[in-house]
Amino acid sequence: MTLKIRIDDGTPPYEQVRAQISEQARSGALPVGYRLPTVRGLAESLGLAANTVAKAYRALEADGVIETRGRNGTFVAAAGSAAQREAVAGAQEYAARARRLGLSEADALGAVRDALRAAYGED
């Protein structure tokens, strides 16, 4: 993993770390399952404060790019956006609830179509 921080860039250092790790994960330069350096280790190697790297890691985790596995470390997460994973989880919860309520598949799909039309402003 190669990261370069440009202080004269005008972009905050945490954002540079976030963007570079995100791009390397997206491009495959950092493969799924790659173990990232510790926050302190990366901060030291880049000459940054540990809080700066921690902020970048939190943003990357929120974006679904990396995942922290407790004391085992921080790793590049499986492909797929956080938004997509959240949508899938929401859909699964809705499907389970619709079934518990006794809705038919057609009625459940109709409710989703109506909700999507309302959310996206379509008639």
N, C-alpha and C. Protein backbone atom coordinates (compact mmCIF):
# COMPACT_ATOMS: atom_id res chain seq x y z
N MET A 1 0.86 -1.17 0.00
CA MET A 1 0.00 0.00 0.00
C MET A 1 0.91 1.23 0.00
N THR A 2 0.66 2.10 -0.97
CA THR A 2 1.45 3.32 -1.07
C THR A 2 0.52 4.52 -0.98
N LEU A 3 0.78 5.37 -0.01
CA LEU A 3 0.02 6.59 0.16
C LEU A 3 0.98 7.77 0.19
N LYS A 4 0.56 8.86 -0.41
CA LYS A 4 1.36 10.08 -0.40
C LYS A 4 0.48 11.23 0.04
N ILE A 5 0.92 11.93 1.06
CA ILE A 5 0.19 13.09 1.57
C ILE A 5 0.89 14.34 1.10
N ARG A 6 0.12 15.21 0.49
CA ARG A 6 0.64 16.49 0.00
C ARG A 6 0.04 17.60 0.86
N ILE A 7 0.86 18.15 1.73
CA ILE A 7 0.40 19.18 2.66
C ILE A 7 -0.04 20.44 1.91
N ASP A 8 0.65 20.76 0.81
CA ASP A 8 0.33 21.98 0.05
C ASP A 8 -0.84 21.81 -0.90
N ASP A 9 -1.46 20.64 -0.87
CA ASP A 9 -2.57 20.30 -1.78
C ASP A 9 -3.84 21.09 -1.47
N GLY A 10 -4.05 21.45 -0.23
CA GLY A 10 -5.28 22.14 0.16
C GLY A 10 -6.37 21.18 0.61
N THR A 11 -6.22 19.90 0.30
CA THR A 11 -7.17 18.87 0.73
C THR A 11 -6.72 18.39 2.11
N PRO A 12 -7.65 18.29 3.07
CA PRO A 12 -7.25 17.82 4.40
C PRO A 12 -6.56 16.45 4.32
N PRO A 13 -5.53 16.24 5.15
CA PRO A 13 -4.79 14.96 5.11
C PRO A 13 -5.69 13.74 5.30
N TYR A 14 -6.69 13.82 6.21
CA TYR A 14 -7.55 12.64 6.40
C TYR A 14 -8.30 12.30 5.11
N GLU A 15 -8.71 13.33 4.36
CA GLU A 15 -9.42 13.11 3.10
C GLU A 15 -8.50 12.51 2.05
N GLN A 16 -7.24 12.91 2.05
CA GLN A 16 -6.27 12.32 1.13
C GLN A 16 -6.07 10.84 1.44
N VAL A 17 -5.96 10.51 2.72
CA VAL A 17 -5.83 9.10 3.12
C VAL A 17 -7.07 8.33 2.71
N ARG A 18 -8.26 8.87 3.03
CA ARG A 18 -9.52 8.21 2.68
C ARG A 18 -9.62 7.97 1.18
N ALA A 19 -9.36 9.01 0.39
CA ALA A 19 -9.51 8.91 -1.07
C ALA A 19 -8.53 7.91 -1.67
N GLN A 20 -7.30 7.92 -1.20
CA GLN A 20 -6.30 7.02 -1.76
C GLN A 20 -6.57 5.56 -1.42
N ILE A 21 -6.96 5.29 -0.18
CA ILE A 21 -7.29 3.91 0.18
C ILE A 21 -8.54 3.45 -0.56
N SER A 22 -9.53 4.33 -0.66
CA SER A 22 -10.75 3.99 -1.38
C SER A 22 -10.45 3.65 -2.84
N GLU A 23 -9.65 4.47 -3.49
CA GLU A 23 -9.31 4.24 -4.90
C GLU A 23 -8.52 2.95 -5.07
N GLN A 24 -7.58 2.71 -4.18
CA GLN A 24 -6.78 1.48 -4.28
C GLN A 24 -7.63 0.23 -4.05
N ALA A 25 -8.61 0.33 -3.15
CA ALA A 25 -9.51 -0.80 -2.92
C ALA A 25 -10.41 -1.01 -4.13
N ARG A 26 -10.93 0.10 -4.69
CA ARG A 26 -11.83 0.00 -5.85
C ARG A 26 -11.10 -0.58 -7.06
N SER A 27 -9.85 -0.19 -7.25
CA SER A 27 -9.10 -0.62 -8.43
C SER A 27 -8.55 -2.04 -8.28
N GLY A 28 -8.57 -2.57 -7.07
CA GLY A 28 -8.02 -3.90 -6.85
C GLY A 28 -6.56 -3.88 -6.42
N ALA A 29 -5.95 -2.70 -6.38
CA ALA A 29 -4.56 -2.60 -5.92
C ALA A 29 -4.46 -3.09 -4.47
N LEU A 30 -5.52 -2.86 -3.70
CA LEU A 30 -5.65 -3.43 -2.36
C LEU A 30 -6.76 -4.47 -2.45
N PRO A 31 -6.42 -5.74 -2.47
CA PRO A 31 -7.45 -6.78 -2.65
C PRO A 31 -8.33 -6.94 -1.42
N VAL A 32 -9.51 -7.50 -1.65
CA VAL A 32 -10.43 -7.81 -0.55
C VAL A 32 -9.69 -8.68 0.45
N GLY A 33 -9.82 -8.32 1.72
CA GLY A 33 -9.16 -9.09 2.77
C GLY A 33 -7.78 -8.58 3.13
N TYR A 34 -7.26 -7.61 2.37
CA TYR A 34 -5.94 -7.05 2.67
C TYR A 34 -5.99 -6.39 4.04
N ARG A 35 -5.01 -6.71 4.87
CA ARG A 35 -4.97 -6.13 6.22
C ARG A 35 -4.25 -4.79 6.16
N LEU A 36 -4.95 -3.74 6.59
CA LEU A 36 -4.38 -2.41 6.60
C LEU A 36 -3.50 -2.23 7.84
N PRO A 37 -2.57 -1.28 7.75
CA PRO A 37 -1.75 -1.00 8.93
C PRO A 37 -2.62 -0.48 10.07
N THR A 38 -2.11 -0.58 11.28
CA THR A 38 -2.83 0.00 12.41
C THR A 38 -2.89 1.51 12.22
N VAL A 39 -3.82 2.14 12.92
CA VAL A 39 -3.94 3.59 12.85
C VAL A 39 -2.62 4.24 13.24
N ARG A 40 -2.05 3.82 14.34
CA ARG A 40 -0.79 4.41 14.80
C ARG A 40 0.35 4.13 13.83
N GLY A 41 0.39 2.92 13.31
CA GLY A 41 1.45 2.57 12.37
C GLY A 41 1.40 3.41 11.10
N LEU A 42 0.21 3.56 10.55
CA LEU A 42 0.06 4.34 9.33
C LEU A 42 0.32 5.81 9.60
N ALA A 43 -0.17 6.31 10.74
CA ALA A 43 0.06 7.71 11.10
C ALA A 43 1.55 7.99 11.20
N GLU A 44 2.27 7.10 11.83
CA GLU A 44 3.72 7.28 11.99
C GLU A 44 4.42 7.27 10.64
N SER A 45 4.05 6.33 9.78
CA SER A 45 4.72 6.23 8.48
C SER A 45 4.43 7.43 7.57
N LEU A 46 3.27 8.06 7.76
CA LEU A 46 2.89 9.22 6.94
C LEU A 46 3.24 10.56 7.61
N GLY A 47 3.66 10.51 8.87
CA GLY A 47 3.96 11.74 9.58
C GLY A 47 2.71 12.52 9.95
N LEU A 48 1.63 11.79 10.25
CA LEU A 48 0.35 12.41 10.60
C LEU A 48 0.00 12.06 12.05
N ALA A 49 -0.95 12.79 12.59
CA ALA A 49 -1.48 12.46 13.91
C ALA A 49 -2.35 11.22 13.80
N ALA A 50 -2.35 10.42 14.86
CA ALA A 50 -3.17 9.20 14.86
C ALA A 50 -4.64 9.53 14.66
N ASN A 51 -5.11 10.64 15.22
CA ASN A 51 -6.52 11.04 15.06
C ASN A 51 -6.88 11.30 13.61
N THR A 52 -5.92 11.78 12.82
CA THR A 52 -6.16 12.05 11.40
C THR A 52 -6.43 10.74 10.66
N VAL A 53 -5.59 9.75 10.91
CA VAL A 53 -5.76 8.45 10.26
C VAL A 53 -7.02 7.77 10.78
N ALA A 54 -7.30 7.89 12.08
CA ALA A 54 -8.51 7.29 12.65
C ALA A 54 -9.75 7.88 11.99
N LYS A 55 -9.75 9.18 11.73
CA LYS A 55 -10.89 9.83 11.07
C LYS A 55 -11.08 9.26 9.65
N ALA A 56 -9.98 9.06 8.94
CA ALA A 56 -10.05 8.48 7.58
C ALA A 56 -10.59 7.05 7.65
N TYR A 57 -10.10 6.26 8.59
CA TYR A 57 -10.57 4.88 8.73
C TYR A 57 -12.07 4.85 9.06
N ARG A 58 -12.53 5.75 9.94
CA ARG A 58 -13.97 5.78 10.28
C ARG A 58 -14.80 6.10 9.04
N ALA A 59 -14.34 7.05 8.24
CA ALA A 59 -15.06 7.40 7.01
C ALA A 59 -15.07 6.23 6.04
N LEU A 60 -13.95 5.55 5.91
CA LEU A 60 -13.87 4.39 5.01
C LEU A 60 -14.78 3.26 5.48
N GLU A 61 -14.86 3.09 6.79
CA GLU A 61 -15.73 2.04 7.32
C GLU A 61 -17.19 2.40 7.08
N ALA A 62 -17.53 3.66 7.28
CA ALA A 62 -18.91 4.12 7.02
C ALA A 62 -19.28 3.95 5.56
N ASP A 63 -18.30 4.09 4.66
CA ASP A 63 -18.53 3.93 3.23
C ASP A 63 -18.53 2.47 2.80
N GLY A 64 -18.20 1.55 3.72
CA GLY A 64 -18.17 0.13 3.39
C GLY A 64 -16.92 -0.31 2.66
N VAL A 65 -15.89 0.52 2.65
CA VAL A 65 -14.65 0.18 1.95
C VAL A 65 -13.78 -0.74 2.81
N ILE A 66 -13.78 -0.50 4.11
CA ILE A 66 -12.99 -1.32 5.02
C ILE A 66 -13.88 -1.81 6.14
N GLU A 67 -13.41 -2.82 6.86
CA GLU A 67 -14.12 -3.32 8.02
C GLU A 67 -13.12 -3.60 9.13
N THR A 68 -13.52 -3.27 10.35
CA THR A 68 -12.67 -3.51 11.50
C THR A 68 -13.15 -4.77 12.18
N ARG A 69 -12.21 -5.64 12.47
CA ARG A 69 -12.54 -6.91 13.12
C ARG A 69 -11.92 -6.96 14.51
N GLY A 70 -12.26 -5.97 15.31
CA GLY A 70 -11.76 -5.91 16.68
C GLY A 70 -10.24 -5.94 16.74
N ARG A 71 -9.71 -6.78 17.61
CA ARG A 71 -8.26 -6.88 17.79
C ARG A 71 -7.56 -7.53 16.60
N ASN A 72 -8.34 -8.14 15.71
CA ASN A 72 -7.72 -8.79 14.55
C ASN A 72 -7.23 -7.79 13.51
N GLY A 73 -7.74 -6.57 13.54
CA GLY A 73 -7.27 -5.54 12.63
C GLY A 73 -8.34 -5.00 11.72
N THR A 74 -7.88 -4.23 10.75
CA THR A 74 -8.76 -3.57 9.79
C THR A 74 -8.43 -4.10 8.40
N PHE A 75 -9.46 -4.44 7.64
CA PHE A 75 -9.28 -5.11 6.36
C PHE A 75 -10.10 -4.44 5.26
N VAL A 76 -9.65 -4.62 4.02
CA VAL A 76 -10.44 -4.16 2.88
C VAL A 76 -11.68 -5.04 2.81
N ALA A 77 -12.84 -4.41 2.75
CA ALA A 77 -14.12 -5.12 2.76
C ALA A 77 -14.43 -5.72 1.40
N ALA A 78 -15.37 -6.64 1.39
CA ALA A 78 -15.83 -7.24 0.14
C ALA A 78 -16.45 -6.17 -0.75
N ALA A 79 -16.41 -6.41 -2.03
CA ALA A 79 -16.93 -5.44 -3.00
C ALA A 79 -18.40 -5.16 -2.76
N GLY A 80 -18.83 -4.00 -3.26
CA GLY A 80 -20.22 -3.60 -3.11
C GLY A 80 -20.30 -2.37 -2.24
N SER A 81 -21.10 -1.46 -2.65
CA SER A 81 -21.19 -0.22 -1.91
C SER A 81 -21.99 -0.40 -0.64
N ALA A 82 -21.70 0.46 0.31
CA ALA A 82 -22.45 0.43 1.57
C ALA A 82 -23.93 0.70 1.31
N ALA A 83 -24.21 1.59 0.37
CA ALA A 83 -25.60 1.92 0.05
C ALA A 83 -26.33 0.69 -0.48
N GLN A 84 -25.68 -0.06 -1.34
CA GLN A 84 -26.30 -1.26 -1.90
C GLN A 84 -26.56 -2.30 -0.80
N ARG A 85 -25.58 -2.48 0.07
CA ARG A 85 -25.76 -3.45 1.16
C ARG A 85 -26.88 -3.02 2.09
N GLU A 86 -26.98 -1.71 2.36
CA GLU A 86 -28.04 -1.21 3.22
C GLU A 86 -29.40 -1.40 2.57
N ALA A 87 -29.48 -1.17 1.26
CA ALA A 87 -30.75 -1.35 0.55
C ALA A 87 -31.18 -2.81 0.59
N VAL A 88 -30.23 -3.72 0.40
CA VAL A 88 -30.54 -5.15 0.45
C VAL A 88 -31.05 -5.53 1.84
N ALA A 89 -30.38 -5.04 2.88
CA ALA A 89 -30.81 -5.35 4.25
C ALA A 89 -32.22 -4.82 4.49
N GLY A 90 -32.49 -3.60 4.03
CA GLY A 90 -33.82 -3.02 4.19
C GLY A 90 -34.88 -3.83 3.45
N ALA A 91 -34.55 -4.27 2.26
CA ALA A 91 -35.49 -5.06 1.47
C ALA A 91 -35.79 -6.40 2.15
N GLN A 92 -34.75 -7.01 2.72
CA GLN A 92 -34.95 -8.28 3.41
C GLN A 92 -35.85 -8.09 4.64
N GLU A 93 -35.63 -6.99 5.37
CA GLU A 93 -36.47 -6.71 6.54
C GLU A 93 -37.92 -6.48 6.10
N TYR A 94 -38.10 -5.73 5.02
CA TYR A 94 -39.46 -5.46 4.53
C TYR A 94 -40.14 -6.76 4.10
N ALA A 95 -39.42 -7.59 3.37
CA ALA A 95 -40.01 -8.84 2.90
C ALA A 95 -40.46 -9.71 4.08
N ALA A 96 -39.62 -9.78 5.10
CA ALA A 96 -39.98 -10.58 6.28
C ALA A 96 -41.20 -9.99 6.98
N ARG A 97 -41.25 -8.67 7.09
CA ARG A 97 -42.39 -8.03 7.76
C ARG A 97 -43.67 -8.21 6.95
N ALA A 98 -43.59 -8.04 5.63
CA ALA A 98 -44.77 -8.21 4.78
C ALA A 98 -45.33 -9.63 4.92
N ARG A 99 -44.44 -10.59 5.00
CA ARG A 99 -44.89 -11.97 5.13
C ARG A 99 -45.56 -12.19 6.49
N ARG A 100 -44.94 -11.63 7.55
CA ARG A 100 -45.55 -11.75 8.89
C ARG A 100 -46.93 -11.12 8.94
N LEU A 101 -47.12 -10.03 8.17
CA LEU A 101 -48.41 -9.35 8.13
C LEU A 101 -49.43 -10.08 7.26
N GLY A 102 -48.98 -11.10 6.57
CA GLY A 102 -49.88 -11.89 5.74
C GLY A 102 -50.15 -11.29 4.37
N LEU A 103 -49.32 -10.34 3.92
CA LEU A 103 -49.51 -9.76 2.58
C LEU A 103 -49.11 -10.76 1.51
N SER A 104 -49.82 -10.74 0.40
CA SER A 104 -49.42 -11.56 -0.74
C SER A 104 -48.18 -10.91 -1.36
N GLU A 105 -47.48 -11.66 -2.17
CA GLU A 105 -46.30 -11.10 -2.86
C GLU A 105 -46.71 -9.92 -3.73
N ALA A 106 -47.84 -10.04 -4.41
CA ALA A 106 -48.31 -8.96 -5.28
C ALA A 106 -48.61 -7.70 -4.48
N ASP A 107 -49.26 -7.85 -3.32
CA ASP A 107 -49.56 -6.69 -2.48
C ASP A 107 -48.29 -6.05 -1.92
N ALA A 108 -47.34 -6.88 -1.53
CA ALA A 108 -46.07 -6.37 -1.00
C ALA A 108 -45.31 -5.60 -2.08
N LEU A 109 -45.27 -6.16 -3.29
CA LEU A 109 -44.60 -5.47 -4.40
C LEU A 109 -45.32 -4.18 -4.77
N GLY A 110 -46.64 -4.20 -4.72
CA GLY A 110 -47.41 -2.99 -5.01
C GLY A 110 -47.10 -1.88 -4.02
N ALA A 111 -46.96 -2.23 -2.75
CA ALA A 111 -46.63 -1.24 -1.73
C ALA A 111 -45.24 -0.65 -1.98
N VAL A 112 -44.31 -1.48 -2.40
CA VAL A 112 -42.95 -1.00 -2.70
C VAL A 112 -42.99 -0.07 -3.91
N ARG A 113 -43.70 -0.46 -4.95
CA ARG A 113 -43.81 0.40 -6.15
C ARG A 113 -44.39 1.76 -5.79
N ASP A 114 -45.45 1.77 -4.98
CA ASP A 114 -46.07 3.03 -4.57
C ASP A 114 -45.09 3.89 -3.78
N ALA A 115 -44.36 3.26 -2.87
CA ALA A 115 -43.40 4.00 -2.05
C ALA A 115 -42.27 4.56 -2.90
N LEU A 116 -41.80 3.80 -3.88
CA LEU A 116 -40.73 4.27 -4.76
C LEU A 116 -41.21 5.43 -5.63
N ARG A 117 -42.43 5.32 -6.15
CA ARG A 117 -42.98 6.41 -6.96
C ARG A 117 -43.06 7.68 -6.14
N ALA A 118 -43.51 7.56 -4.90
CA ALA A 118 -43.62 8.73 -4.02
C ALA A 118 -42.23 9.29 -3.69
N ALA A 119 -41.28 8.43 -3.43
CA ALA A 119 -39.93 8.89 -3.07
C ALA A 119 -39.21 9.56 -4.22
N TYR A 120 -39.43 9.06 -5.43
CA TYR A 120 -38.74 9.60 -6.61
C TYR A 120 -39.58 10.62 -7.36
N GLY A 121 -40.76 10.93 -6.83
CA GLY A 121 -41.61 11.96 -7.43
C GLY A 121 -42.22 11.57 -8.76
N GLU A 122 -42.45 10.28 -8.97
CA GLU A 122 -43.06 9.84 -10.23
C GLU A 122 -44.55 9.63 -10.04
N ASP A 123 -45.29 9.86 -11.09
CA ASP A 123 -46.75 9.66 -11.04
C ASP A 123 -47.14 8.31 -11.55
